[in-house]
Each structure stands twice: as structure tokens, then as C-alpha cells.
Amino acid sequence: MRAIIFLFIIFILIPTASAHAINIEANITIKAYYFGIPPIPASNATVKVYKDGVLFLEGKTDEEGKFSFKPEGSGSYKIVVEQNLHRATLNFGQSCPYKTSGDENLRKAFLLSLLGYVVIIAITIPKLRKK
């Protein structure tokens, strides 16, 4: 039974070791609305996006209260939505660039996966031999 569990774990981890580089592109979409049943979209509300405290871009929400943008680089973002004396803010940080490539970390990920296999095998084989 332990051999089956061991093989199951190995086959689950194999895709990790054979991973390819991954690129990430992000679009941030917010939805502004007034509380109600149903919620009422804040259409045509003013949206200001600040990056590291500096105005990054400004625009308006659509008919559904939605607004989208692409973050650029790492940094802290603050989104401010205003309409009819109402104001809402959203803060978030971005720890990696907008478009990243996993190529630099591919070797590290592979070596860590390989080390994981070696550790699992080193722990499991002696236990299998005892039975």
C-alpha cells in the first residue's frame, strides 16, 4: 500500500519538475456599486489610480460600474472611485512586475523538485524494505 502511495506522490510531482517558463500578464478590473438589492452599478464614476503615491491614470467606470487597467512594474497601487460625494478606495501591492518570465527561476524550481524526489525516495525505500 505504501508503494502505491509513493508512486502516486511521484506521479503528481512529475509535472512540477518538467515545468516550462510561464509568463503572466495582468489586467485589473474593479466593479464599483452602491449597496442595495440588487446592487446598483456606479456608472460613469470617476476613477483615479495612483502608483506609489503618484497619479498613474484616470478614467470613468462603464455602464456596469467596471473599470480596467494594466499595472506596470512593481509597486503599491491605490484606486479611488468617486461619484456624487461618495468615495471608495482600494489599496494593493504588487510584488512582481506586470509581465514576468519564469526562465530565471526554472533551474531553481527544477533543482528543488529534484531534491524533493530524492528526499521522498530516501525516506520511503528503507520503509518498503522492512516489509
N, C-alpha and C. Protein backbone atom coordinates (compact mmCIF):
# COMPACT_ATOMS: atom_id res chain seq x y z
N MET A 1 0.82 -1.20 0.00
CA MET A 1 0.00 0.00 0.00
C MET A 1 0.87 1.27 0.00
N ARG A 2 1.96 1.23 0.80
CA ARG A 2 2.84 2.40 0.84
C ARG A 2 3.53 2.62 -0.50
N ALA A 3 3.81 1.53 -1.20
CA ALA A 3 4.44 1.66 -2.52
C ALA A 3 3.49 2.37 -3.49
N ILE A 4 2.21 2.07 -3.39
CA ILE A 4 1.23 2.72 -4.27
C ILE A 4 1.13 4.20 -3.94
N ILE A 5 1.11 4.52 -2.64
CA ILE A 5 1.07 5.93 -2.24
C ILE A 5 2.33 6.64 -2.71
N PHE A 6 3.48 5.99 -2.56
CA PHE A 6 4.75 6.57 -3.01
C PHE A 6 4.72 6.86 -4.51
N LEU A 7 4.26 5.91 -5.31
CA LEU A 7 4.20 6.11 -6.75
C LEU A 7 3.19 7.20 -7.10
N PHE A 8 2.09 7.24 -6.39
CA PHE A 8 1.08 8.28 -6.62
C PHE A 8 1.68 9.67 -6.38
N ILE A 9 2.43 9.83 -5.27
CA ILE A 9 3.07 11.11 -4.97
C ILE A 9 4.09 11.47 -6.04
N ILE A 10 4.87 10.52 -6.47
CA ILE A 10 5.88 10.78 -7.51
C ILE A 10 5.21 11.26 -8.79
N PHE A 11 4.14 10.60 -9.22
CA PHE A 11 3.49 10.99 -10.47
C PHE A 11 2.78 12.33 -10.36
N ILE A 12 2.36 12.70 -9.18
CA ILE A 12 1.77 14.02 -9.00
C ILE A 12 2.84 15.10 -9.11
N LEU A 13 4.04 14.82 -8.60
CA LEU A 13 5.10 15.81 -8.59
C LEU A 13 5.86 15.92 -9.90
N ILE A 14 5.75 14.94 -10.79
CA ILE A 14 6.50 14.97 -12.05
C ILE A 14 6.21 16.22 -12.87
N PRO A 15 4.97 16.68 -13.02
CA PRO A 15 4.75 17.91 -13.80
C PRO A 15 5.50 19.11 -13.25
N THR A 16 5.73 19.16 -11.93
CA THR A 16 6.49 20.27 -11.35
C THR A 16 7.92 20.27 -11.87
N ALA A 17 8.52 19.11 -11.97
CA ALA A 17 9.90 19.03 -12.40
C ALA A 17 10.05 19.33 -13.88
N SER A 18 9.02 19.09 -14.66
CA SER A 18 9.12 19.32 -16.10
C SER A 18 8.41 20.61 -16.52
N ALA A 19 8.32 21.57 -15.60
CA ALA A 19 7.60 22.82 -15.90
C ALA A 19 8.37 23.66 -16.91
N HIS A 20 7.63 24.41 -17.69
CA HIS A 20 8.21 25.35 -18.64
C HIS A 20 8.04 26.75 -18.08
N ALA A 21 8.69 27.71 -18.69
CA ALA A 21 8.57 29.10 -18.24
C ALA A 21 7.12 29.57 -18.41
N ILE A 22 6.69 30.37 -17.48
CA ILE A 22 5.33 30.91 -17.51
C ILE A 22 5.41 32.42 -17.53
N ASN A 23 4.67 33.03 -18.41
CA ASN A 23 4.55 34.48 -18.44
C ASN A 23 3.20 34.87 -17.87
N ILE A 24 3.18 35.95 -17.12
CA ILE A 24 1.95 36.43 -16.52
C ILE A 24 1.68 37.85 -17.01
N GLU A 25 0.48 38.05 -17.51
CA GLU A 25 0.02 39.38 -17.87
C GLU A 25 -1.27 39.62 -17.10
N ALA A 26 -1.33 40.76 -16.42
CA ALA A 26 -2.49 41.01 -15.56
C ALA A 26 -3.26 42.23 -16.02
N ASN A 27 -4.55 42.10 -15.99
CA ASN A 27 -5.47 43.22 -16.14
C ASN A 27 -6.25 43.29 -14.84
N ILE A 28 -6.30 44.45 -14.25
CA ILE A 28 -7.07 44.64 -13.02
C ILE A 28 -8.42 45.21 -13.43
N THR A 29 -9.49 44.56 -13.00
CA THR A 29 -10.84 45.07 -13.24
C THR A 29 -11.53 45.26 -11.90
N ILE A 30 -12.02 46.46 -11.68
CA ILE A 30 -12.79 46.72 -10.46
C ILE A 30 -14.25 46.89 -10.84
N LYS A 31 -15.12 46.68 -9.89
CA LYS A 31 -16.55 46.91 -10.09
C LYS A 31 -17.03 47.77 -8.93
N ALA A 32 -17.49 48.97 -9.26
CA ALA A 32 -17.98 49.90 -8.25
C ALA A 32 -19.51 49.86 -8.24
N TYR A 33 -20.10 49.79 -7.06
CA TYR A 33 -21.56 49.73 -6.97
C TYR A 33 -22.03 50.27 -5.64
N TYR A 34 -23.29 50.64 -5.59
CA TYR A 34 -23.95 51.06 -4.36
C TYR A 34 -24.66 49.84 -3.78
N PHE A 35 -24.64 49.72 -2.46
CA PHE A 35 -25.31 48.60 -1.82
C PHE A 35 -26.81 48.71 -2.04
N GLY A 36 -27.42 47.60 -2.29
CA GLY A 36 -28.85 47.54 -2.50
C GLY A 36 -29.22 46.15 -2.96
N ILE A 37 -30.49 45.90 -3.12
CA ILE A 37 -30.95 44.60 -3.62
C ILE A 37 -31.76 44.88 -4.87
N PRO A 38 -31.22 44.65 -6.03
CA PRO A 38 -29.84 44.24 -6.32
C PRO A 38 -28.89 45.42 -6.20
N PRO A 39 -27.56 45.16 -6.15
CA PRO A 39 -26.59 46.25 -6.11
C PRO A 39 -26.75 47.16 -7.34
N ILE A 40 -26.55 48.44 -7.14
CA ILE A 40 -26.72 49.43 -8.22
C ILE A 40 -25.33 49.83 -8.72
N PRO A 41 -25.03 49.60 -10.01
CA PRO A 41 -23.70 49.94 -10.53
C PRO A 41 -23.44 51.45 -10.43
N ALA A 42 -22.21 51.81 -10.08
CA ALA A 42 -21.80 53.21 -10.05
C ALA A 42 -21.28 53.56 -11.44
N SER A 43 -22.21 53.72 -12.39
CA SER A 43 -21.81 54.00 -13.77
C SER A 43 -21.33 55.44 -13.90
N ASN A 44 -20.33 55.62 -14.75
CA ASN A 44 -19.75 56.94 -15.05
C ASN A 44 -19.11 57.60 -13.82
N ALA A 45 -18.65 56.78 -12.87
CA ALA A 45 -17.96 57.31 -11.69
C ALA A 45 -16.51 57.62 -12.06
N THR A 46 -15.93 58.59 -11.40
CA THR A 46 -14.54 58.95 -11.64
C THR A 46 -13.62 57.96 -10.94
N VAL A 47 -12.63 57.45 -11.66
CA VAL A 47 -11.66 56.51 -11.11
C VAL A 47 -10.27 57.11 -11.27
N LYS A 48 -9.52 57.13 -10.17
CA LYS A 48 -8.13 57.58 -10.19
C LYS A 48 -7.28 56.44 -9.64
N VAL A 49 -6.24 56.09 -10.38
CA VAL A 49 -5.33 55.03 -9.97
C VAL A 49 -3.98 55.69 -9.67
N TYR A 50 -3.51 55.48 -8.45
CA TYR A 50 -2.22 56.02 -8.03
C TYR A 50 -1.23 54.87 -7.91
N LYS A 51 -0.02 55.10 -8.39
CA LYS A 51 1.05 54.11 -8.24
C LYS A 51 2.15 54.75 -7.41
N ASP A 52 2.45 54.15 -6.28
CA ASP A 52 3.45 54.68 -5.35
C ASP A 52 3.17 56.14 -5.01
N GLY A 53 1.90 56.50 -4.84
CA GLY A 53 1.50 57.83 -4.43
C GLY A 53 1.39 58.85 -5.54
N VAL A 54 1.69 58.48 -6.78
CA VAL A 54 1.64 59.39 -7.91
C VAL A 54 0.50 58.97 -8.83
N LEU A 55 -0.27 59.95 -9.34
CA LEU A 55 -1.39 59.63 -10.23
C LEU A 55 -0.87 58.86 -11.44
N PHE A 56 -1.38 57.64 -11.62
CA PHE A 56 -0.94 56.74 -12.69
C PHE A 56 -1.87 56.87 -13.89
N LEU A 57 -3.18 56.87 -13.63
CA LEU A 57 -4.15 57.08 -14.70
C LEU A 57 -5.49 57.47 -14.11
N GLU A 58 -6.35 58.03 -14.97
CA GLU A 58 -7.67 58.49 -14.54
C GLU A 58 -8.67 58.10 -15.62
N GLY A 59 -9.88 57.77 -15.21
CA GLY A 59 -10.91 57.40 -16.17
C GLY A 59 -12.27 57.34 -15.52
N LYS A 60 -13.21 56.71 -16.22
CA LYS A 60 -14.60 56.59 -15.75
C LYS A 60 -15.02 55.13 -15.81
N THR A 61 -15.93 54.75 -14.91
CA THR A 61 -16.48 53.40 -14.96
C THR A 61 -17.47 53.31 -16.11
N ASP A 62 -17.69 52.08 -16.60
CA ASP A 62 -18.66 51.88 -17.68
C ASP A 62 -20.08 51.78 -17.10
N GLU A 63 -21.04 51.40 -17.94
CA GLU A 63 -22.44 51.30 -17.52
C GLU A 63 -22.65 50.32 -16.38
N GLU A 64 -21.78 49.29 -16.32
CA GLU A 64 -21.89 48.27 -15.27
C GLU A 64 -21.06 48.61 -14.04
N GLY A 65 -20.44 49.78 -14.03
CA GLY A 65 -19.61 50.19 -12.89
C GLY A 65 -18.22 49.58 -12.93
N LYS A 66 -17.80 49.08 -14.10
CA LYS A 66 -16.50 48.42 -14.21
C LYS A 66 -15.45 49.35 -14.81
N PHE A 67 -14.20 49.13 -14.37
CA PHE A 67 -13.06 49.88 -14.88
C PHE A 67 -11.87 48.93 -14.88
N SER A 68 -11.11 48.91 -15.99
CA SER A 68 -9.97 48.00 -16.11
C SER A 68 -8.71 48.77 -16.46
N PHE A 69 -7.57 48.23 -15.99
CA PHE A 69 -6.27 48.79 -16.36
C PHE A 69 -5.20 47.72 -16.21
N LYS A 70 -4.05 47.98 -16.84
CA LYS A 70 -2.89 47.09 -16.73
C LYS A 70 -1.87 47.72 -15.80
N PRO A 71 -1.52 47.05 -14.70
CA PRO A 71 -0.46 47.58 -13.84
C PRO A 71 0.88 47.47 -14.57
N GLU A 72 1.77 48.37 -14.29
CA GLU A 72 3.09 48.35 -14.92
C GLU A 72 4.15 48.29 -13.84
N GLY A 73 4.97 47.27 -13.87
CA GLY A 73 6.05 47.14 -12.90
C GLY A 73 5.55 46.87 -11.50
N SER A 74 6.49 46.75 -10.58
CA SER A 74 6.10 46.50 -9.20
C SER A 74 5.83 47.82 -8.50
N GLY A 75 5.10 47.77 -7.44
CA GLY A 75 4.77 48.97 -6.68
C GLY A 75 3.47 48.82 -5.94
N SER A 76 3.10 49.86 -5.23
CA SER A 76 1.84 49.90 -4.49
C SER A 76 0.83 50.73 -5.27
N TYR A 77 -0.37 50.23 -5.35
CA TYR A 77 -1.43 50.90 -6.09
C TYR A 77 -2.56 51.29 -5.15
N LYS A 78 -3.18 52.42 -5.46
CA LYS A 78 -4.36 52.88 -4.74
C LYS A 78 -5.38 53.28 -5.79
N ILE A 79 -6.57 52.71 -5.69
CA ILE A 79 -7.65 53.03 -6.62
C ILE A 79 -8.70 53.82 -5.84
N VAL A 80 -9.06 54.99 -6.37
CA VAL A 80 -10.07 55.84 -5.73
C VAL A 80 -11.23 56.00 -6.71
N VAL A 81 -12.43 55.67 -6.25
CA VAL A 81 -13.65 55.83 -7.06
C VAL A 81 -14.53 56.86 -6.37
N GLU A 82 -14.94 57.88 -7.14
CA GLU A 82 -15.77 58.95 -6.58
C GLU A 82 -16.98 59.20 -7.46
N GLN A 83 -18.13 59.43 -6.81
CA GLN A 83 -19.35 59.78 -7.52
C GLN A 83 -20.36 60.36 -6.54
N ASN A 84 -20.92 61.52 -6.87
CA ASN A 84 -21.98 62.13 -6.06
C ASN A 84 -21.64 62.20 -4.57
N LEU A 85 -20.48 62.72 -4.25
CA LEU A 85 -20.00 62.87 -2.87
C LEU A 85 -19.72 61.54 -2.16
N HIS A 86 -19.76 60.44 -2.88
CA HIS A 86 -19.39 59.14 -2.32
C HIS A 86 -17.98 58.82 -2.78
N ARG A 87 -17.23 58.14 -1.91
CA ARG A 87 -15.84 57.82 -2.25
C ARG A 87 -15.48 56.45 -1.67
N ALA A 88 -14.79 55.65 -2.47
CA ALA A 88 -14.29 54.35 -2.01
C ALA A 88 -12.84 54.22 -2.48
N THR A 89 -12.02 53.56 -1.66
CA THR A 89 -10.62 53.35 -2.04
C THR A 89 -10.26 51.88 -1.89
N LEU A 90 -9.30 51.47 -2.68
CA LEU A 90 -8.77 50.11 -2.63
C LEU A 90 -7.26 50.21 -2.76
N ASN A 91 -6.54 49.64 -1.81
CA ASN A 91 -5.08 49.62 -1.84
C ASN A 91 -4.60 48.20 -2.06
N PHE A 92 -3.59 48.06 -2.90
CA PHE A 92 -2.96 46.75 -3.05
C PHE A 92 -1.53 46.92 -3.50
N GLY A 93 -0.70 45.97 -3.15
CA GLY A 93 0.71 45.99 -3.53
C GLY A 93 0.97 44.94 -4.58
N GLN A 94 1.93 45.19 -5.39
CA GLN A 94 2.29 44.25 -6.44
C GLN A 94 3.74 43.89 -6.23
N SER A 95 4.00 42.62 -5.91
CA SER A 95 5.36 42.21 -5.55
C SER A 95 6.19 41.78 -6.74
N CYS A 96 5.59 41.65 -7.92
CA CYS A 96 6.36 41.27 -9.09
C CYS A 96 5.93 42.13 -10.26
N PRO A 97 6.79 42.26 -11.26
CA PRO A 97 6.44 43.09 -12.41
C PRO A 97 5.20 42.60 -13.13
N TYR A 98 4.57 43.50 -13.87
CA TYR A 98 3.34 43.20 -14.62
C TYR A 98 3.54 42.02 -15.54
N LYS A 99 4.65 41.99 -16.25
CA LYS A 99 4.94 40.85 -17.11
C LYS A 99 6.23 40.22 -16.63
N THR A 100 6.12 38.99 -16.16
CA THR A 100 7.30 38.31 -15.64
C THR A 100 7.58 37.08 -16.45
N SER A 101 8.79 36.65 -16.38
CA SER A 101 9.17 35.42 -17.07
C SER A 101 9.76 34.47 -16.05
N GLY A 102 9.37 33.23 -16.10
CA GLY A 102 9.87 32.24 -15.17
C GLY A 102 11.19 31.63 -15.58
N ASP A 103 11.79 32.08 -16.68
CA ASP A 103 13.03 31.48 -17.16
C ASP A 103 14.15 31.50 -16.13
N GLU A 104 14.28 32.63 -15.41
CA GLU A 104 15.37 32.74 -14.44
C GLU A 104 15.20 31.75 -13.30
N ASN A 105 13.98 31.46 -12.95
CA ASN A 105 13.72 30.59 -11.80
C ASN A 105 13.49 29.13 -12.20
N LEU A 106 13.52 28.83 -13.49
CA LEU A 106 13.25 27.48 -13.94
C LEU A 106 14.27 26.48 -13.39
N ARG A 107 15.54 26.85 -13.42
CA ARG A 107 16.57 25.94 -12.92
C ARG A 107 16.40 25.71 -11.43
N LYS A 108 16.13 26.78 -10.67
CA LYS A 108 15.93 26.63 -9.23
C LYS A 108 14.73 25.73 -8.93
N ALA A 109 13.64 25.93 -9.66
CA ALA A 109 12.44 25.12 -9.44
C ALA A 109 12.72 23.65 -9.74
N PHE A 110 13.46 23.40 -10.83
CA PHE A 110 13.78 22.03 -11.20
C PHE A 110 14.65 21.38 -10.13
N LEU A 111 15.68 22.10 -9.66
CA LEU A 111 16.58 21.54 -8.65
C LEU A 111 15.84 21.28 -7.33
N LEU A 112 14.95 22.18 -6.95
CA LEU A 112 14.17 21.95 -5.73
C LEU A 112 13.24 20.76 -5.88
N SER A 113 12.64 20.60 -7.06
CA SER A 113 11.78 19.45 -7.30
C SER A 113 12.59 18.16 -7.24
N LEU A 114 13.77 18.20 -7.85
CA LEU A 114 14.64 17.02 -7.84
C LEU A 114 15.05 16.67 -6.42
N LEU A 115 15.39 17.68 -5.63
CA LEU A 115 15.74 17.45 -4.24
C LEU A 115 14.56 16.83 -3.49
N GLY A 116 13.36 17.29 -3.78
CA GLY A 116 12.17 16.72 -3.15
C GLY A 116 12.00 15.25 -3.47
N TYR A 117 12.25 14.88 -4.75
CA TYR A 117 12.18 13.47 -5.14
C TYR A 117 13.19 12.64 -4.37
N VAL A 118 14.41 13.15 -4.27
CA VAL A 118 15.47 12.41 -3.58
C VAL A 118 15.10 12.20 -2.12
N VAL A 119 14.58 13.22 -1.49
CA VAL A 119 14.19 13.10 -0.07
C VAL A 119 13.06 12.10 0.09
N ILE A 120 12.05 12.16 -0.77
CA ILE A 120 10.93 11.22 -0.68
C ILE A 120 11.42 9.79 -0.89
N ILE A 121 12.26 9.60 -1.88
CA ILE A 121 12.79 8.24 -2.14
C ILE A 121 13.64 7.77 -0.98
N ALA A 122 14.50 8.65 -0.43
CA ALA A 122 15.37 8.26 0.68
C ALA A 122 14.56 7.88 1.91
N ILE A 123 13.42 8.48 2.11
CA ILE A 123 12.59 8.16 3.27
C ILE A 123 11.76 6.91 3.03
N THR A 124 11.26 6.75 1.82
CA THR A 124 10.32 5.67 1.52
C THR A 124 10.98 4.32 1.31
N ILE A 125 12.09 4.25 0.59
CA ILE A 125 12.72 2.96 0.25
C ILE A 125 13.09 2.15 1.49
N PRO A 126 13.75 2.72 2.49
CA PRO A 126 14.04 1.90 3.69
C PRO A 126 12.79 1.36 4.36
N LYS A 127 11.70 2.12 4.34
CA LYS A 127 10.46 1.64 4.95
C LYS A 127 9.86 0.50 4.14
N LEU A 128 9.99 0.56 2.82
CA LEU A 128 9.47 -0.52 1.97
C LEU A 128 10.27 -1.79 2.13
N ARG A 129 11.59 -1.67 2.35
CA ARG A 129 12.46 -2.84 2.50
C ARG A 129 12.18 -3.59 3.80
N LYS A 130 11.72 -2.88 4.84
CA LYS A 130 11.44 -3.52 6.12
C LYS A 130 10.25 -4.45 6.05
N LYS A 131 9.38 -4.25 5.05
CA LYS A 131 8.18 -5.07 4.98
C LYS A 131 8.38 -6.28 4.18
